[in-house]
């Protein structure tokens, strides 16, 4: 039953212009970051990840569990990175978040990512250059 309900409210889209993304973030309950298939994916920190952190929404990362993106998600509490082969773990994570969403419970907002915002990174760079 839960699987069918989850499927009914999940939307997959093709590429969307960046200006339209902000509206969609506001309508979303969870964000997906796919890093599977990237060469040197363990060291990959895409700009999209930092944009996701700024939304305060939970992030499901699919890719290297020991990489830099995984560490950032864990450090900030913003989400998890799960190996794409672990489909049952991904399903469990999604169903847990779905139950929280369905009950309209407050989803814990991640903290500690201010230092990773554009402002935080610029400040760290400025401090380093001084």
C-alpha atoms as a PDB file:
ATOM      1  CA  UNK A   1       0.000   0.000   0.000  1.00  0.00           C
ATOM      2  CA  UNK A   2       2.698   2.487   0.965  1.00  0.00           C
ATOM      3  CA  UNK A   3       4.652   1.698  -2.202  1.00  0.00           C
ATOM      4  CA  UNK A   4       1.654   2.464  -4.406  1.00  0.00           C
ATOM      5  CA  UNK A   5       0.883   5.698  -2.580  1.00  0.00           C
ATOM      6  CA  UNK A   6       4.513   6.787  -2.836  1.00  0.00           C
ATOM      7  CA  UNK A   7       4.530   6.062  -6.579  1.00  0.00           C
ATOM      8  CA  UNK A   8       1.387   8.138  -7.013  1.00  0.00           C
ATOM      9  CA  UNK A   9       3.029  11.276  -5.592  1.00  0.00           C
ATOM     10  CA  UNK A  10       6.495  10.881  -7.130  1.00  0.00           C
ATOM     11  CA  UNK A  11       7.289  12.914 -10.223  1.00  0.00           C
ATOM     12  CA  UNK A  12      10.226  12.414 -12.565  1.00  0.00           C
ATOM     13  CA  UNK A  13      10.952  15.182 -15.048  1.00  0.00           C
ATOM     14  CA  UNK A  14      13.429  15.931 -17.785  1.00  0.00           C
ATOM     15  CA  UNK A  15      15.828  18.866 -17.531  1.00  0.00           C
ATOM     16  CA  UNK A  16      14.200  21.984 -16.090  1.00  0.00           C
ATOM     17  CA  UNK A  17      15.472  25.568 -16.533  1.00  0.00           C
ATOM     18  CA  UNK A  18      17.124  26.862 -13.353  1.00  0.00           C
ATOM     19  CA  UNK A  19      14.612  29.699 -12.882  1.00  0.00           C
ATOM     20  CA  UNK A  20      11.784  27.172 -12.629  1.00  0.00           C
ATOM     21  CA  UNK A  21      13.661  25.051 -10.084  1.00  0.00           C
ATOM     22  CA  UNK A  22      13.155  27.463  -7.206  1.00  0.00           C
ATOM     23  CA  UNK A  23       9.388  27.036  -7.468  1.00  0.00           C
ATOM     24  CA  UNK A  24       9.712  23.258  -7.650  1.00  0.00           C
ATOM     25  CA  UNK A  25      11.969  23.180  -4.585  1.00  0.00           C
ATOM     26  CA  UNK A  26       9.155  24.863  -2.671  1.00  0.00           C
ATOM     27  CA  UNK A  27       6.756  22.125  -3.777  1.00  0.00           C
ATOM     28  CA  UNK A  28       9.127  19.279  -2.917  1.00  0.00           C
ATOM     29  CA  UNK A  29       9.474  17.168   0.202  1.00  0.00           C
ATOM     30  CA  UNK A  30      12.827  15.542  -0.622  1.00  0.00           C
ATOM     31  CA  UNK A  31      15.577  16.167  -3.170  1.00  0.00           C
ATOM     32  CA  UNK A  32      17.529  13.566  -5.147  1.00  0.00           C
ATOM     33  CA  UNK A  33      21.238  13.890  -5.929  1.00  0.00           C
ATOM     34  CA  UNK A  34      22.581  11.218  -8.289  1.00  0.00           C
ATOM     35  CA  UNK A  35      26.348  10.726  -8.281  1.00  0.00           C
ATOM     36  CA  UNK A  36      26.395   7.154  -9.552  1.00  0.00           C
ATOM     37  CA  UNK A  37      28.499   6.686 -12.650  1.00  0.00           C
ATOM     38  CA  UNK A  38      30.815   9.662 -12.172  1.00  0.00           C
ATOM     39  CA  UNK A  39      34.502   8.946 -12.547  1.00  0.00           C
ATOM     40  CA  UNK A  40      36.132   9.875  -9.241  1.00  0.00           C
ATOM     41  CA  UNK A  41      32.644  10.297  -7.757  1.00  0.00           C
ATOM     42  CA  UNK A  42      34.055  10.012  -4.242  1.00  0.00           C
ATOM     43  CA  UNK A  43      35.662  13.442  -4.597  1.00  0.00           C
ATOM     44  CA  UNK A  44      32.824  15.100  -6.511  1.00  0.00           C
ATOM     45  CA  UNK A  45      30.971  17.975  -4.817  1.00  0.00           C
ATOM     46  CA  UNK A  46      28.547  19.361  -7.408  1.00  0.00           C
ATOM     47  CA  UNK A  47      27.177  22.877  -7.089  1.00  0.00           C
ATOM     48  CA  UNK A  48      23.711  21.308  -7.042  1.00  0.00           C
ATOM     49  CA  UNK A  49      24.490  19.809  -3.631  1.00  0.00           C
ATOM     50  CA  UNK A  50      25.134  23.243  -2.130  1.00  0.00           C
ATOM     51  CA  UNK A  51      21.933  24.526  -3.707  1.00  0.00           C
ATOM     52  CA  UNK A  52      20.069  21.611  -2.165  1.00  0.00           C
ATOM     53  CA  UNK A  53      21.564  22.349   1.263  1.00  0.00           C
ATOM     54  CA  UNK A  54      20.262  25.908   1.045  1.00  0.00           C
ATOM     55  CA  UNK A  55      16.669  24.655   0.652  1.00  0.00           C
ATOM     56  CA  UNK A  56      16.642  22.939   4.045  1.00  0.00           C
ATOM     57  CA  UNK A  57      14.920  19.920   2.478  1.00  0.00           C
ATOM     58  CA  UNK A  58      16.147  16.374   3.109  1.00  0.00           C
ATOM     59  CA  UNK A  59      18.515  15.067   0.433  1.00  0.00           C
ATOM     60  CA  UNK A  60      18.773  11.505  -0.809  1.00  0.00           C
ATOM     61  CA  UNK A  61      22.135  11.039  -2.482  1.00  0.00           C
ATOM     62  CA  UNK A  62      22.678   7.982  -4.634  1.00  0.00           C
ATOM     63  CA  UNK A  63      26.341   7.242  -5.138  1.00  0.00           C
ATOM     64  CA  UNK A  64      29.597   6.615  -3.243  1.00  0.00           C
ATOM     65  CA  UNK A  65      28.863   6.223   0.465  1.00  0.00           C
ATOM     66  CA  UNK A  66      32.415   7.154   1.478  1.00  0.00           C
ATOM     67  CA  UNK A  67      32.877  10.214  -0.740  1.00  0.00           C
ATOM     68  CA  UNK A  68      33.027  13.923  -0.052  1.00  0.00           C
ATOM     69  CA  UNK A  69      29.342  14.465  -0.828  1.00  0.00           C
ATOM     70  CA  UNK A  70      28.401  11.697   1.609  1.00  0.00           C
ATOM     71  CA  UNK A  71      30.544  13.294   4.312  1.00  0.00           C
ATOM     72  CA  UNK A  72      28.968  16.705   3.705  1.00  0.00           C
ATOM     73  CA  UNK A  73      25.436  15.294   3.907  1.00  0.00           C
ATOM     74  CA  UNK A  74      26.309  13.509   7.140  1.00  0.00           C
ATOM     75  CA  UNK A  75      28.119  16.487   8.700  1.00  0.00           C
ATOM     76  CA  UNK A  76      25.249  18.858   7.979  1.00  0.00           C
ATOM     77  CA  UNK A  77      22.508  16.362   8.798  1.00  0.00           C
ATOM     78  CA  UNK A  78      20.909  17.241   5.474  1.00  0.00           C
ATOM     79  CA  UNK A  79      20.536  13.700   4.216  1.00  0.00           C
ATOM     80  CA  UNK A  80      22.287  10.487   3.292  1.00  0.00           C
ATOM     81  CA  UNK A  81      24.307   9.041   0.454  1.00  0.00           C
ATOM     82  CA  UNK A  82      23.378   5.456  -0.398  1.00  0.00           C
ATOM     83  CA  UNK A  83      25.089   3.224  -2.934  1.00  0.00           C
ATOM     84  CA  UNK A  84      22.791   2.792  -5.941  1.00  0.00           C
ATOM     85  CA  UNK A  85      22.989  -0.992  -5.656  1.00  0.00           C
ATOM     86  CA  UNK A  86      21.376  -0.884  -2.192  1.00  0.00           C
ATOM     87  CA  UNK A  87      17.839  -0.527  -3.459  1.00  0.00           C
ATOM     88  CA  UNK A  88      16.234  -1.838  -0.289  1.00  0.00           C
ATOM     89  CA  UNK A  89      18.097   0.774   1.782  1.00  0.00           C
ATOM     90  CA  UNK A  90      16.976   3.514  -0.605  1.00  0.00           C
ATOM     91  CA  UNK A  91      13.397   2.235  -0.410  1.00  0.00           C
ATOM     92  CA  UNK A  92      13.530   2.188   3.408  1.00  0.00           C
ATOM     93  CA  UNK A  93      14.859   5.760   3.521  1.00  0.00           C
ATOM     94  CA  UNK A  94      12.149   6.995   1.149  1.00  0.00           C
ATOM     95  CA  UNK A  95       9.382   5.212   3.018  1.00  0.00           C
ATOM     96  CA  UNK A  96      10.569   6.695   6.329  1.00  0.00           C
ATOM     97  CA  UNK A  97      10.564  10.214   4.862  1.00  0.00           C
ATOM     98  CA  UNK A  98       7.205   9.521   3.245  1.00  0.00           C
ATOM     99  CA  UNK A  99       5.676   8.517   6.585  1.00  0.00           C
ATOM    100  CA  UNK A 100       6.917  11.744   8.155  1.00  0.00           C
ATOM    101  CA  UNK A 101       5.529  13.739   5.233  1.00  0.00           C
ATOM    102  CA  UNK A 102       2.209  11.862   5.308  1.00  0.00           C
ATOM    103  CA  UNK A 103       1.752  12.602   9.002  1.00  0.00           C
ATOM    104  CA  UNK A 104       2.661  16.224   8.315  1.00  0.00           C
ATOM    105  CA  UNK A 105       5.244  16.011  11.052  1.00  0.00           C
ATOM    106  CA  UNK A 106       7.966  18.563  11.081  1.00  0.00           C
ATOM    107  CA  UNK A 107      10.962  17.190   9.203  1.00  0.00           C
ATOM    108  CA  UNK A 108      14.128  17.970  11.126  1.00  0.00           C
ATOM    109  CA  UNK A 109      15.863  20.804   9.361  1.00  0.00           C
ATOM    110  CA  UNK A 110      19.552  20.251   8.749  1.00  0.00           C
ATOM    111  CA  UNK A 111      21.946  22.550  10.526  1.00  0.00           C
ATOM    112  CA  UNK A 112      25.599  23.347  10.212  1.00  0.00           C
ATOM    113  CA  UNK A 113      25.683  24.022   6.499  1.00  0.00           C
ATOM    114  CA  UNK A 114      26.076  27.803   6.799  1.00  0.00           C
ATOM    115  CA  UNK A 115      29.799  27.429   6.352  1.00  0.00           C
ATOM    116  CA  UNK A 116      29.084  25.745   3.007  1.00  0.00           C
ATOM    117  CA  UNK A 117      26.829  28.501   1.672  1.00  0.00           C
ATOM    118  CA  UNK A 118      28.225  30.832  -0.982  1.00  0.00           C
ATOM    119  CA  UNK A 119      28.568  33.507   1.682  1.00  0.00           C
ATOM    120  CA  UNK A 120      30.313  31.112   4.071  1.00  0.00           C
ATOM    121  CA  UNK A 121      32.736  29.869   1.430  1.00  0.00           C
ATOM    122  CA  UNK A 122      33.511  33.433   0.288  1.00  0.00           C
ATOM    123  CA  UNK A 123      34.197  34.439   3.894  1.00  0.00           C
ATOM    124  CA  UNK A 124      36.525  31.477   4.411  1.00  0.00           C
ATOM    125  CA  UNK A 125      38.386  32.364   1.213  1.00  0.00           C
ATOM    126  CA  UNK A 126      38.653  36.010   2.256  1.00  0.00           C
ATOM    127  CA  UNK A 127      39.989  34.992   5.665  1.00  0.00           C
ATOM    128  CA  UNK A 128      42.494  32.679   4.034  1.00  0.00           C
ATOM    129  CA  UNK A 129      43.752  35.409   1.685  1.00  0.00           C
ATOM    130  CA  UNK A 130      44.235  37.922   4.507  1.00  0.00           C
END
